Amino acid sequence: MNTLTQIIERYDDEEFLKADGFDDAVIGVCHLSRRLIYSYAKCIEILVVEEGMEVIDAIEHLSYNVINSYVGEKTPIWCVDYN
């Protein structure tokens, strides 16, 4: 069971805004805002391994098309981690 599944089960009364294709990159939830927290490093890995992107292209895609998109108060949190 991945982290996202555990969060959804624990917070069954909450609606979370998810980033498509990055379910395995969820590392937690903000206790106060109830927003999902994604691992930046895991998102890059997903784009490289599953989508076949070069690392630089994955970084650019994630930065411009995903992270910088504001979609309301439930916009996910992006954690720049060093895993």
N, C-alpha and C. Protein backbone atom coordinates (compact mmCIF):
# COMPACT_ATOMS: atom_id res chain seq x y z
N MET A 1 0.85 -1.18 0.00
CA MET A 1 0.00 0.00 0.00
C MET A 1 0.90 1.24 0.00
N ASN A 2 0.68 2.12 -0.98
CA ASN A 2 1.52 3.32 -1.04
C ASN A 2 1.03 4.39 -0.06
N THR A 3 1.82 5.42 0.08
CA THR A 3 1.53 6.49 1.04
C THR A 3 0.21 7.18 0.72
N LEU A 4 -0.06 7.43 -0.55
CA LEU A 4 -1.30 8.10 -0.92
C LEU A 4 -2.52 7.30 -0.47
N THR A 5 -2.49 6.01 -0.68
CA THR A 5 -3.61 5.15 -0.26
C THR A 5 -3.81 5.22 1.25
N GLN A 6 -2.72 5.19 1.99
CA GLN A 6 -2.79 5.29 3.45
C GLN A 6 -3.40 6.62 3.89
N ILE A 7 -3.00 7.70 3.23
CA ILE A 7 -3.53 9.03 3.57
C ILE A 7 -5.02 9.09 3.28
N ILE A 8 -5.43 8.61 2.12
CA ILE A 8 -6.85 8.65 1.76
C ILE A 8 -7.69 7.83 2.73
N GLU A 9 -7.16 6.70 3.18
CA GLU A 9 -7.89 5.88 4.16
C GLU A 9 -7.98 6.58 5.51
N ARG A 10 -6.89 7.20 5.92
CA ARG A 10 -6.88 7.86 7.24
C ARG A 10 -7.74 9.13 7.26
N TYR A 11 -7.71 9.87 6.18
CA TYR A 11 -8.47 11.12 6.08
C TYR A 11 -9.64 10.93 5.12
N ASP A 12 -10.48 9.96 5.43
CA ASP A 12 -11.55 9.58 4.51
C ASP A 12 -12.61 10.66 4.31
N ASP A 13 -12.63 11.66 5.17
CA ASP A 13 -13.60 12.75 5.03
C ASP A 13 -13.04 13.94 4.25
N GLU A 14 -11.77 13.85 3.82
CA GLU A 14 -11.12 14.94 3.10
C GLU A 14 -11.11 14.67 1.59
N GLU A 15 -11.11 15.74 0.83
CA GLU A 15 -10.90 15.65 -0.61
C GLU A 15 -9.54 16.23 -0.90
N PHE A 16 -8.71 15.44 -1.54
CA PHE A 16 -7.35 15.88 -1.87
C PHE A 16 -7.23 16.16 -3.35
N LEU A 17 -6.45 17.16 -3.68
CA LEU A 17 -6.15 17.47 -5.06
C LEU A 17 -4.85 16.73 -5.40
N LYS A 18 -4.91 15.84 -6.38
CA LYS A 18 -3.76 15.02 -6.74
C LYS A 18 -3.17 15.48 -8.07
N ALA A 19 -1.86 15.31 -8.18
CA ALA A 19 -1.16 15.57 -9.43
C ALA A 19 -1.15 14.28 -10.24
N ASP A 20 -1.76 14.29 -11.41
CA ASP A 20 -1.87 13.09 -12.23
C ASP A 20 -0.52 12.46 -12.53
N GLY A 21 -0.45 11.17 -12.32
CA GLY A 21 0.75 10.41 -12.65
C GLY A 21 1.81 10.36 -11.58
N PHE A 22 1.57 11.03 -10.46
CA PHE A 22 2.59 11.10 -9.43
C PHE A 22 2.15 10.50 -8.09
N ASP A 23 1.22 9.57 -8.12
CA ASP A 23 0.72 8.97 -6.87
C ASP A 23 1.85 8.38 -6.02
N ASP A 24 2.83 7.76 -6.65
CA ASP A 24 3.93 7.14 -5.91
C ASP A 24 4.92 8.15 -5.36
N ALA A 25 4.76 9.41 -5.68
CA ALA A 25 5.65 10.45 -5.18
C ALA A 25 5.09 11.16 -3.95
N VAL A 26 3.88 10.79 -3.52
CA VAL A 26 3.30 11.40 -2.32
C VAL A 26 4.07 10.91 -1.11
N ILE A 27 4.52 11.86 -0.29
CA ILE A 27 5.29 11.50 0.91
C ILE A 27 4.58 11.89 2.20
N GLY A 28 3.46 12.60 2.09
CA GLY A 28 2.75 12.98 3.31
C GLY A 28 1.60 13.93 3.03
N VAL A 29 1.07 14.44 4.12
CA VAL A 29 -0.04 15.39 4.05
C VAL A 29 0.23 16.48 5.08
N CYS A 30 -0.08 17.71 4.75
CA CYS A 30 0.06 18.82 5.69
C CYS A 30 -1.07 18.73 6.70
N HIS A 31 -0.73 18.64 7.95
CA HIS A 31 -1.73 18.48 8.99
C HIS A 31 -2.69 19.68 9.07
N LEU A 32 -2.18 20.87 8.85
CA LEU A 32 -3.01 22.07 8.97
C LEU A 32 -3.88 22.33 7.74
N SER A 33 -3.28 22.27 6.55
CA SER A 33 -4.02 22.64 5.34
C SER A 33 -4.65 21.44 4.64
N ARG A 34 -4.29 20.24 5.06
CA ARG A 34 -4.79 19.00 4.44
C ARG A 34 -4.46 18.95 2.94
N ARG A 35 -3.25 19.41 2.61
CA ARG A 35 -2.78 19.33 1.23
C ARG A 35 -1.75 18.22 1.14
N LEU A 36 -1.77 17.50 0.01
CA LEU A 36 -0.80 16.44 -0.20
C LEU A 36 0.59 17.04 -0.39
N ILE A 37 1.60 16.30 0.07
CA ILE A 37 2.99 16.71 -0.07
C ILE A 37 3.67 15.69 -0.99
N TYR A 38 4.28 16.22 -2.06
CA TYR A 38 4.96 15.38 -3.04
C TYR A 38 6.47 15.55 -2.94
N SER A 39 7.19 14.46 -3.16
CA SER A 39 8.64 14.49 -3.22
C SER A 39 9.07 14.94 -4.62
N TYR A 40 9.80 16.02 -4.69
CA TYR A 40 10.32 16.52 -5.96
C TYR A 40 11.20 15.47 -6.62
N ALA A 41 12.08 14.85 -5.83
CA ALA A 41 13.01 13.84 -6.36
C ALA A 41 12.26 12.64 -6.92
N LYS A 42 11.22 12.20 -6.24
CA LYS A 42 10.45 11.06 -6.72
C LYS A 42 9.68 11.41 -8.00
N CYS A 43 9.20 12.64 -8.09
CA CYS A 43 8.51 13.07 -9.31
C CYS A 43 9.47 13.04 -10.50
N ILE A 44 10.69 13.53 -10.29
CA ILE A 44 11.69 13.50 -11.36
C ILE A 44 11.97 12.06 -11.75
N GLU A 45 12.12 11.19 -10.78
CA GLU A 45 12.37 9.77 -11.05
C GLU A 45 11.24 9.15 -11.87
N ILE A 46 10.01 9.47 -11.52
CA ILE A 46 8.86 8.95 -12.27
C ILE A 46 8.91 9.41 -13.72
N LEU A 47 9.21 10.67 -13.95
CA LEU A 47 9.27 11.18 -15.31
C LEU A 47 10.40 10.54 -16.11
N VAL A 48 11.52 10.29 -15.46
CA VAL A 48 12.66 9.68 -16.14
C VAL A 48 12.41 8.20 -16.42
N VAL A 49 11.99 7.47 -15.40
CA VAL A 49 11.84 6.02 -15.54
C VAL A 49 10.58 5.64 -16.33
N GLU A 50 9.46 6.22 -15.96
CA GLU A 50 8.20 5.80 -16.56
C GLU A 50 7.86 6.53 -17.86
N GLU A 51 8.32 7.76 -17.99
CA GLU A 51 8.00 8.54 -19.20
C GLU A 51 9.18 8.60 -20.17
N GLY A 52 10.34 8.12 -19.75
CA GLY A 52 11.50 8.08 -20.63
C GLY A 52 12.14 9.43 -20.90
N MET A 53 11.91 10.40 -20.03
CA MET A 53 12.50 11.73 -20.22
C MET A 53 13.95 11.75 -19.75
N GLU A 54 14.71 12.66 -20.33
CA GLU A 54 16.04 12.95 -19.81
C GLU A 54 15.84 13.76 -18.52
N VAL A 55 16.81 13.71 -17.62
CA VAL A 55 16.66 14.38 -16.32
C VAL A 55 16.38 15.87 -16.50
N ILE A 56 17.12 16.53 -17.36
CA ILE A 56 16.92 17.98 -17.55
C ILE A 56 15.53 18.28 -18.10
N ASP A 57 15.03 17.43 -18.98
CA ASP A 57 13.69 17.62 -19.52
C ASP A 57 12.63 17.37 -18.44
N ALA A 58 12.88 16.40 -17.58
CA ALA A 58 11.95 16.11 -16.49
C ALA A 58 11.88 17.28 -15.51
N ILE A 59 13.04 17.85 -15.21
CA ILE A 59 13.08 19.01 -14.31
C ILE A 59 12.32 20.18 -14.91
N GLU A 60 12.55 20.43 -16.17
CA GLU A 60 11.88 21.54 -16.86
C GLU A 60 10.37 21.31 -16.91
N HIS A 61 9.97 20.10 -17.27
CA HIS A 61 8.53 19.78 -17.35
C HIS A 61 7.87 19.93 -15.98
N LEU A 62 8.50 19.38 -14.97
CA LEU A 62 7.93 19.45 -13.62
C LEU A 62 7.84 20.90 -13.15
N SER A 63 8.88 21.67 -13.39
CA SER A 63 8.91 23.06 -12.95
C SER A 63 7.85 23.92 -13.63
N TYR A 64 7.75 23.83 -14.94
CA TYR A 64 6.86 24.72 -15.68
C TYR A 64 5.42 24.24 -15.78
N ASN A 65 5.22 22.95 -15.84
CA ASN A 65 3.88 22.43 -16.09
C ASN A 65 3.16 21.88 -14.86
N VAL A 66 3.89 21.63 -13.80
CA VAL A 66 3.27 21.01 -12.64
C VAL A 66 3.41 21.88 -11.39
N ILE A 67 4.61 22.11 -10.96
CA ILE A 67 4.84 22.81 -9.69
C ILE A 67 4.35 24.25 -9.71
N ASN A 68 4.53 24.95 -10.80
CA ASN A 68 4.13 26.35 -10.86
C ASN A 68 2.66 26.56 -11.20
N SER A 69 1.90 25.49 -11.23
CA SER A 69 0.47 25.60 -11.50
C SER A 69 -0.29 25.75 -10.19
N TYR A 70 -0.99 26.85 -10.03
CA TYR A 70 -1.83 27.05 -8.86
C TYR A 70 -3.25 26.67 -9.25
N VAL A 71 -3.81 25.72 -8.51
CA VAL A 71 -5.16 25.24 -8.84
C VAL A 71 -6.10 25.35 -7.64
N GLY A 72 -5.89 26.38 -6.84
CA GLY A 72 -6.77 26.61 -5.71
C GLY A 72 -6.12 26.30 -4.38
N GLU A 73 -6.89 26.44 -3.34
CA GLU A 73 -6.34 26.30 -1.98
C GLU A 73 -5.87 24.90 -1.65
N LYS A 74 -6.23 23.92 -2.42
CA LYS A 74 -5.78 22.54 -2.19
C LYS A 74 -4.61 22.16 -3.09
N THR A 75 -3.98 23.16 -3.73
CA THR A 75 -2.81 22.91 -4.56
C THR A 75 -1.78 22.14 -3.73
N PRO A 76 -1.25 21.05 -4.25
CA PRO A 76 -0.28 20.26 -3.49
C PRO A 76 0.96 21.04 -3.11
N ILE A 77 1.65 20.52 -2.13
CA ILE A 77 2.92 21.07 -1.66
C ILE A 77 4.02 20.23 -2.29
N TRP A 78 5.07 20.89 -2.76
CA TRP A 78 6.18 20.20 -3.41
C TRP A 78 7.40 20.31 -2.52
N CYS A 79 7.89 19.21 -2.01
CA CYS A 79 9.02 19.17 -1.11
C CYS A 79 10.29 18.89 -1.90
N VAL A 80 11.23 19.83 -1.88
CA VAL A 80 12.51 19.60 -2.54
C VAL A 80 13.35 18.80 -1.56
N ASP A 81 13.42 17.51 -1.83
CA ASP A 81 14.14 16.59 -0.96
C ASP A 81 15.39 16.09 -1.68
N TYR A 82 16.24 15.45 -0.94
CA TYR A 82 17.51 15.01 -1.50
C TYR A 82 17.71 13.51 -1.29
N ASN A 83 16.68 12.74 -1.67
CA ASN A 83 16.76 11.27 -1.54
C ASN A 83 17.59 10.69 -2.64
